[in-house]
C-alpha cells in the first residue's frame, strides 16, 4: 500500500469466479466503505445472474454502485465508466467512506490508476463497419489487421481480442490518429493522491476451473435462461457489448433448439475458462506490482 495519505482506496481485481465479491463486501463492512463495480459486463441491466452480479443479500450487506445501471442497448465505454466512477468517488469522499473497486476488467483498473485517453466519440456506424471486417478472423489475423492501423498497440497487446481491435481500428479510421497516440497523452488517474491497497485474487487453476463450472450451473438454476430470453426478445444489435456476454450466444442456441441444455452449459463453461485464462495473463503482465493472493489456500 502507498503510505502517507489519509485518503484510502482498495482495488480488488482477479479473474471471474475468484471470490472478489466476498472479499469486497468483507472489507466494506469492516471499513464502512462502498463497493464500486469495475467489471465491464456487470454494468448492464437484465443479465443479473449471467454476469454474476451481487445478489440481493450481498447488495444489502454494503452500499454498491455502478452495478446494472446501464441499459443493454447502450454501447457503454471505459470513458463513460470513468465519468460515472468519478461521481461515486466524490460522494464517497464527502461521506468519508473508503471506495472499494472490484471487478475483472483490467482496462478499467488501468484507466482508474494511470489515466485514460480522451478519445473523441466514435460513430456507431464506424464501429459496426470494423466489426464486420474482423468477423471470422482468429487472434493472429486480428493482430496483423490491427498492425496496419496501429503497429505500436498491435505489438503491445497481450491478446488481440475483438473488442480491443475494433476499438483501436475504429479510432484510427474515424480520427486519423492512433489509439496509442491518444494513450500517450493520458494524465493521472482518478485516484491520484490516494493511498492504494491493490489486490489481485489468483486461485489455483484447478480450483478456479471447478468454481467456474459450479457457478455456471448455479446461474442456470437461478434464471440465466430467462435473462437471455428477455435480452434476445429486444432484437438488439448483436455487436453491442452486452450481447457478447459469455452465455448469451450459448443459451441463445439452446433456446433456438440448436443444442441441448447440457451442451450449452458445457460450451459456456469452456468459454468462461478461456476468458479467465486471458484475464489472468493480463493481470500478471500488467499488475505485477500488485499483491497477488490465493483466497482459497488453507491458512
Protein backbone atom coordinates (compact mmCIF):
# COMPACT_ATOMS: atom_id res chain seq x y z
CA UNK A 1 0.00 0.00 0.00
CA UNK A 2 1.16 3.54 -0.70
CA UNK A 3 1.76 5.30 2.59
CA UNK A 4 1.50 8.83 3.83
CA UNK A 5 -2.02 9.72 2.77
CA UNK A 6 -5.24 9.88 4.77
CA UNK A 7 -7.40 9.09 1.73
CA UNK A 8 -7.51 5.38 1.03
CA UNK A 9 -8.94 3.22 -1.71
CA UNK A 10 -8.93 -0.52 -2.24
CA UNK A 11 -8.68 -2.16 -5.65
CA UNK A 12 -9.63 -5.83 -5.94
CA UNK A 13 -9.02 -7.43 -9.33
CA UNK A 14 -9.00 -11.04 -10.43
CA UNK A 15 -10.36 -13.49 -12.98
CA UNK A 16 -14.02 -14.42 -12.99
CA UNK A 17 -15.17 -16.66 -10.11
CA UNK A 18 -12.10 -15.86 -7.99
CA UNK A 19 -14.05 -14.69 -4.93
CA UNK A 20 -13.82 -10.93 -5.46
CA UNK A 21 -17.35 -10.10 -4.33
CA UNK A 22 -16.98 -11.81 -0.96
CA UNK A 23 -13.71 -10.02 -0.21
CA UNK A 24 -15.07 -6.62 -1.29
CA UNK A 25 -18.12 -6.96 0.97
CA UNK A 26 -15.99 -8.14 3.88
CA UNK A 27 -13.70 -5.12 3.51
CA UNK A 28 -16.60 -2.70 3.01
CA UNK A 29 -18.31 -3.89 6.18
CA UNK A 30 -15.08 -3.60 8.15
CA UNK A 31 -14.28 -0.06 6.98
CA UNK A 32 -17.75 1.36 6.28
CA UNK A 33 -16.71 1.67 2.66
CA UNK A 34 -18.62 1.48 -0.61
CA UNK A 35 -18.26 -1.19 -3.29
CA UNK A 36 -17.81 0.11 -6.85
CA UNK A 37 -18.19 -2.20 -9.82
CA UNK A 38 -15.11 -2.41 -12.03
CA UNK A 39 -16.38 -5.01 -14.48
CA UNK A 40 -17.49 -4.11 -17.99
CA UNK A 41 -20.30 -6.69 -18.12
CA UNK A 42 -21.76 -6.20 -14.65
CA UNK A 43 -22.71 -2.62 -15.60
CA UNK A 44 -25.54 -3.89 -17.81
CA UNK A 45 -29.09 -4.46 -16.68
CA UNK A 46 -31.15 -7.60 -17.45
CA UNK A 47 -28.19 -10.01 -17.11
CA UNK A 48 -28.13 -10.09 -13.32
CA UNK A 49 -27.21 -13.73 -12.85
CA UNK A 50 -25.39 -14.34 -16.11
CA UNK A 51 -22.80 -11.68 -15.30
CA UNK A 52 -22.56 -12.84 -11.66
CA UNK A 53 -23.62 -9.53 -10.20
CA UNK A 54 -24.01 -9.48 -6.40
CA UNK A 55 -27.31 -10.97 -5.28
CA UNK A 56 -29.88 -9.20 -3.11
CA UNK A 57 -28.30 -10.32 0.17
CA UNK A 58 -24.85 -9.21 -0.96
CA UNK A 59 -26.15 -5.84 -2.18
CA UNK A 60 -27.80 -5.30 1.21
CA UNK A 61 -24.57 -6.04 3.08
CA UNK A 62 -22.82 -2.84 1.92
CA UNK A 63 -23.50 0.13 -0.41
CA UNK A 64 -22.93 -0.90 -4.05
CA UNK A 65 -22.57 1.36 -7.08
CA UNK A 66 -22.39 1.01 -10.88
CA UNK A 67 -23.97 -2.45 -10.96
CA UNK A 68 -26.66 -2.96 -13.62
CA UNK A 69 -27.11 0.77 -14.19
CA UNK A 70 -26.69 0.68 -18.00
CA UNK A 71 -29.33 -0.49 -20.47
CA UNK A 72 -28.07 -3.40 -22.64
CA UNK A 73 -28.94 -1.37 -25.73
CA UNK A 74 -26.22 1.16 -24.88
CA UNK A 75 -22.63 0.85 -26.12
CA UNK A 76 -21.03 1.76 -22.78
CA UNK A 77 -17.34 2.73 -22.86
CA UNK A 78 -14.38 2.92 -20.50
CA UNK A 79 -14.64 6.70 -20.64
CA UNK A 80 -18.30 6.56 -19.61
CA UNK A 81 -17.43 4.25 -16.74
CA UNK A 82 -14.69 6.61 -15.55
CA UNK A 83 -17.11 9.54 -15.59
CA UNK A 84 -19.60 7.55 -13.51
CA UNK A 85 -16.87 6.31 -11.17
CA UNK A 86 -15.63 9.84 -10.60
CA UNK A 87 -19.05 10.86 -9.28
CA UNK A 88 -19.12 7.91 -6.88
CA UNK A 89 -15.59 8.69 -5.66
CA UNK A 90 -16.56 12.28 -4.98
CA UNK A 91 -19.65 11.25 -3.00
CA UNK A 92 -17.67 8.65 -1.05
CA UNK A 93 -15.09 11.30 -0.19
CA UNK A 94 -17.79 13.68 1.06
CA UNK A 95 -19.17 10.94 3.31
CA UNK A 96 -15.69 9.87 4.44
CA UNK A 97 -16.24 6.38 3.04
CA UNK A 98 -13.49 4.23 1.58
CA UNK A 99 -14.05 3.37 -2.11
CA UNK A 100 -13.52 -0.33 -2.83
CA UNK A 101 -13.26 -1.11 -6.54
CA UNK A 102 -13.92 -4.71 -7.50
CA UNK A 103 -14.05 -6.44 -10.87
CA UNK A 104 -12.32 -8.29 -13.63
CA UNK A 105 -11.85 -5.64 -16.30
CA UNK A 106 -8.16 -4.78 -16.39
CA UNK A 107 -8.67 -1.81 -18.69
CA UNK A 108 -10.96 -0.16 -16.13
CA UNK A 109 -8.34 -0.56 -13.41
CA UNK A 110 -5.61 0.72 -15.72
CA UNK A 111 -7.66 3.79 -16.63
CA UNK A 112 -8.54 4.35 -12.98
CA UNK A 113 -4.94 4.37 -11.76
CA UNK A 114 -2.99 5.59 -14.79
CA UNK A 115 -5.41 7.85 -16.62
CA UNK A 116 -7.44 7.42 -19.77
CA UNK A 117 -7.04 8.70 -23.30
CA UNK A 118 -9.57 11.41 -24.16
CA UNK A 119 -10.67 9.96 -27.48
CA UNK A 120 -13.49 11.73 -29.36
CA UNK A 121 -16.75 9.75 -29.62
CA UNK A 122 -16.58 7.22 -32.45
CA UNK A 123 -19.73 6.87 -34.63
CA UNK A 124 -21.57 3.58 -34.20
CA UNK A 125 -21.54 3.02 -37.96
CA UNK A 126 -17.72 3.10 -37.93
CA UNK A 127 -17.55 0.58 -35.09
CA UNK A 128 -20.03 -1.69 -36.85
CA UNK A 129 -18.05 -1.48 -40.09
CA UNK A 130 -14.87 -2.62 -38.33
CA UNK A 131 -16.77 -5.41 -36.54
CA UNK A 132 -17.79 -6.76 -39.94
CA UNK A 133 -14.23 -6.52 -41.24
CA UNK A 134 -12.81 -8.73 -38.47
CA UNK A 135 -15.57 -11.35 -38.49
CA UNK A 136 -14.05 -14.80 -38.85
CA UNK A 137 -10.51 -13.67 -38.02
CA UNK A 138 -8.53 -15.59 -35.41
CA UNK A 139 -6.25 -13.86 -32.91
CA UNK A 140 -3.20 -13.73 -35.15
CA UNK A 141 -5.14 -12.35 -38.11
CA UNK A 142 -6.72 -9.71 -35.85
CA UNK A 143 -3.28 -8.72 -34.60
CA UNK A 144 -1.98 -8.40 -38.17
CA UNK A 145 -5.04 -6.38 -39.14
CA UNK A 146 -4.57 -4.09 -36.14
CA UNK A 147 -0.92 -3.68 -37.11
CA UNK A 148 -1.99 -2.00 -40.35
CA UNK A 149 -3.67 0.76 -38.32
CA UNK A 150 -1.78 0.88 -35.00
CA UNK A 151 1.52 -1.10 -35.09
CA UNK A 152 2.52 0.06 -31.61
CA UNK A 153 -0.64 -1.24 -29.99
CA UNK A 154 -0.58 -4.47 -32.03
CA UNK A 155 2.87 -5.24 -30.64
CA UNK A 156 1.93 -4.29 -27.08
CA UNK A 157 -1.36 -6.15 -26.69
CA UNK A 158 -1.17 -9.41 -24.77
CA UNK A 159 -4.22 -10.71 -26.65
CA UNK A 160 -5.73 -9.19 -29.80
CA UNK A 161 -9.29 -9.75 -28.65
CA UNK A 162 -12.08 -8.48 -30.93
CA UNK A 163 -13.26 -5.65 -28.68
CA UNK A 164 -9.83 -4.03 -28.37
CA UNK A 165 -9.08 -4.45 -32.07
CA UNK A 166 -12.41 -2.91 -33.05
CA UNK A 167 -11.81 -0.03 -30.66
CA UNK A 168 -8.30 0.76 -31.92
CA UNK A 169 -9.05 0.38 -35.63
CA UNK A 170 -12.25 2.43 -35.45
CA UNK A 171 -10.41 5.21 -33.58
CA UNK A 172 -7.77 5.40 -36.31
CA UNK A 173 -10.33 5.31 -39.13
CA UNK A 174 -12.57 7.93 -37.51
CA UNK A 175 -9.95 10.36 -36.19
CA UNK A 176 -6.87 9.75 -38.32
CA UNK A 177 -4.87 9.27 -35.10
CA UNK A 178 -3.85 6.01 -33.47
CA UNK A 179 -5.20 4.95 -30.11
CA UNK A 180 -1.58 4.57 -28.97
CA UNK A 181 -1.02 8.28 -29.64
CA UNK A 182 -4.09 9.20 -27.61
CA UNK A 183 -2.93 6.96 -24.77
CA UNK A 184 0.43 8.74 -24.57
CA UNK A 185 -1.45 11.92 -23.68
CA UNK A 186 -3.18 10.49 -20.61
CA UNK A 187 -2.96 12.35 -17.34
CA UNK A 188 -3.06 10.88 -13.84
CA UNK A 189 -5.82 8.55 -12.81
CA UNK A 190 -8.87 9.40 -10.69
CA UNK A 191 -7.15 8.04 -7.58
CA UNK A 192 -4.09 10.28 -7.73
CA UNK A 193 -3.34 11.27 -4.16
CA UNK A 194 -4.99 8.18 -2.65
CA UNK A 195 -3.17 5.54 -0.65
CA UNK A 196 -3.96 2.39 -2.60
CA UNK A 197 -4.31 -1.19 -1.46
CA UNK A 198 -4.07 -3.17 -4.69
CA UNK A 199 -5.02 -6.84 -4.64
CA UNK A 200 -5.26 -9.47 -7.38
CA UNK A 201 -7.10 -12.64 -6.37
CA UNK A 202 -5.47 -15.57 -8.16
CA UNK A 203 -6.72 -19.02 -7.14
CA UNK A 204 -5.01 -22.20 -8.26
CA UNK A 205 -6.03 -23.12 -11.80
CA UNK A 206 -7.84 -26.34 -10.86
CA UNK A 207 -9.81 -24.58 -8.14
CA UNK A 208 -10.81 -21.77 -10.48
CA UNK A 209 -11.92 -24.20 -13.21
CA UNK A 210 -14.12 -26.04 -10.72
CA UNK A 211 -15.63 -22.83 -9.35
CA UNK A 212 -16.44 -21.62 -12.87
CA UNK A 213 -18.33 -24.83 -13.67
CA UNK A 214 -20.20 -24.82 -10.35
CA UNK A 215 -21.10 -21.17 -10.69
CA UNK A 216 -22.47 -21.53 -14.21
CA UNK A 217 -24.68 -24.42 -13.08
CA UNK A 218 -25.96 -22.16 -10.30
CA UNK A 219 -26.57 -19.35 -12.79
CA UNK A 220 -28.71 -21.64 -14.91
CA UNK A 221 -30.77 -22.64 -11.90
CA UNK A 222 -31.14 -19.01 -10.79
CA UNK A 223 -32.66 -17.71 -14.02
CA UNK A 224 -29.88 -17.16 -16.59
CA UNK A 225 -32.01 -18.77 -19.33
CA UNK A 226 -34.88 -16.39 -18.67
CA UNK A 227 -32.48 -13.43 -18.68
CA UNK A 228 -31.11 -14.35 -22.10
CA UNK A 229 -34.62 -14.92 -23.39
CA UNK A 230 -35.62 -11.42 -22.25
CA UNK A 231 -32.48 -9.91 -23.79
CA UNK A 232 -32.93 -11.62 -27.15
CA UNK A 233 -36.58 -10.56 -27.26
CA UNK A 234 -35.39 -6.98 -27.63
CA UNK A 235 -33.74 -7.74 -31.01
CA UNK A 236 -30.70 -5.64 -30.20
CA UNK A 237 -27.67 -5.18 -32.45
CA UNK A 238 -25.59 -8.36 -31.92
CA UNK A 239 -22.46 -6.19 -31.97
CA UNK A 240 -23.39 -4.46 -28.70
CA UNK A 241 -21.12 -5.35 -25.75
CA UNK A 242 -23.98 -6.76 -23.65
CA UNK A 243 -24.86 -9.18 -26.44
CA UNK A 244 -21.33 -10.58 -26.25
CA UNK A 245 -21.54 -11.54 -22.58
CA UNK A 246 -20.46 -15.14 -22.13
CA UNK A 247 -23.54 -17.32 -22.09
CA UNK A 248 -25.75 -15.19 -24.32
CA UNK A 249 -24.74 -16.94 -27.54
CA UNK A 250 -24.66 -20.40 -25.93
CA UNK A 251 -28.01 -20.11 -24.16
CA UNK A 252 -29.46 -18.44 -27.25
CA UNK A 253 -28.53 -21.54 -29.26
CA UNK A 254 -30.25 -23.70 -26.64
CA UNK A 255 -33.40 -21.54 -26.78
CA UNK A 256 -33.40 -21.84 -30.56
CA UNK A 257 -33.27 -25.64 -30.28
CA UNK A 258 -29.85 -25.86 -31.92
CA UNK A 259 -28.11 -27.51 -28.94
CA UNK A 260 -29.13 -29.27 -25.77
CA UNK A 261 -29.09 -27.54 -22.40
CA UNK A 262 -26.11 -29.67 -21.37
CA UNK A 263 -24.17 -28.71 -24.49
CA UNK A 264 -24.94 -25.02 -23.98
CA UNK A 265 -23.66 -25.20 -20.40
CA UNK A 266 -20.51 -27.05 -21.45
CA UNK A 267 -19.77 -24.50 -24.18
CA UNK A 268 -20.34 -21.55 -21.85
CA UNK A 269 -18.15 -23.09 -19.14
CA UNK A 270 -15.36 -23.60 -21.68
CA UNK A 271 -15.69 -20.01 -22.91
CA UNK A 272 -15.61 -18.72 -19.32
CA UNK A 273 -12.48 -20.72 -18.52
CA UNK A 274 -10.78 -19.33 -21.63
CA UNK A 275 -11.78 -15.83 -20.58
CA UNK A 276 -10.44 -16.38 -17.06
CA UNK A 277 -7.13 -17.51 -18.56
CA UNK A 278 -6.90 -14.31 -20.63
CA UNK A 279 -7.74 -12.22 -17.57
CA UNK A 280 -5.07 -13.97 -15.50
CA UNK A 281 -2.45 -13.37 -18.19
CA UNK A 282 -3.38 -9.68 -18.36
CA UNK A 283 -3.15 -9.25 -14.59
CA UNK A 284 0.22 -10.97 -14.36
CA UNK A 285 1.66 -8.93 -17.21
CA UNK A 286 0.17 -5.56 -16.29
CA UNK A 287 -0.25 -5.73 -12.50
CA UNK A 288 3.00 -7.36 -11.46
CA UNK A 289 3.49 -4.89 -8.61
CA UNK A 290 0.07 -5.64 -7.04
CA UNK A 291 -0.40 -8.06 -4.15
CA UNK A 292 -1.36 -11.46 -5.55
CA UNK A 293 -3.47 -13.57 -3.17
CA UNK A 294 -4.91 -17.07 -3.38
CA UNK A 295 -8.18 -16.60 -1.45
CA UNK A 296 -8.83 -20.34 -1.11
CA UNK A 297 -5.44 -21.55 0.09
CA UNK A 298 -5.65 -23.06 3.56
CA UNK A 299 -4.06 -20.84 6.15
